[in-house]
Protein backbone atom coordinates (compact mmCIF):
# COMPACT_ATOMS: atom_id res chain seq x y z
CA UNK A 1 13.01 10.96 5.66
CA UNK A 2 12.49 14.20 7.65
CA UNK A 3 12.09 16.15 4.43
CA UNK A 4 9.43 13.68 3.29
CA UNK A 5 7.56 14.08 6.57
CA UNK A 6 7.68 17.87 6.37
CA UNK A 7 6.64 17.65 2.74
CA UNK A 8 3.34 16.02 3.63
CA UNK A 9 3.08 17.81 6.97
CA UNK A 10 3.12 21.22 5.28
CA UNK A 11 -0.07 20.67 3.24
CA UNK A 12 -1.58 18.70 6.11
CA UNK A 13 -1.03 21.58 8.54
CA UNK A 14 -2.59 24.01 6.07
CA UNK A 15 -5.64 21.77 5.87
CA UNK A 16 -5.91 21.67 9.66
CA UNK A 17 -5.49 25.44 9.93
CA UNK A 18 -8.18 25.91 7.30
CA UNK A 19 -10.50 23.59 9.20
CA UNK A 20 -9.85 25.45 12.45
CA UNK A 21 -10.50 28.77 10.75
């Protein structure tokens, strides 16, 4: 389950970082 969370968290974080930038 953790892997699954990180799997979607990775792209999600990138999106957030992009938005912040």
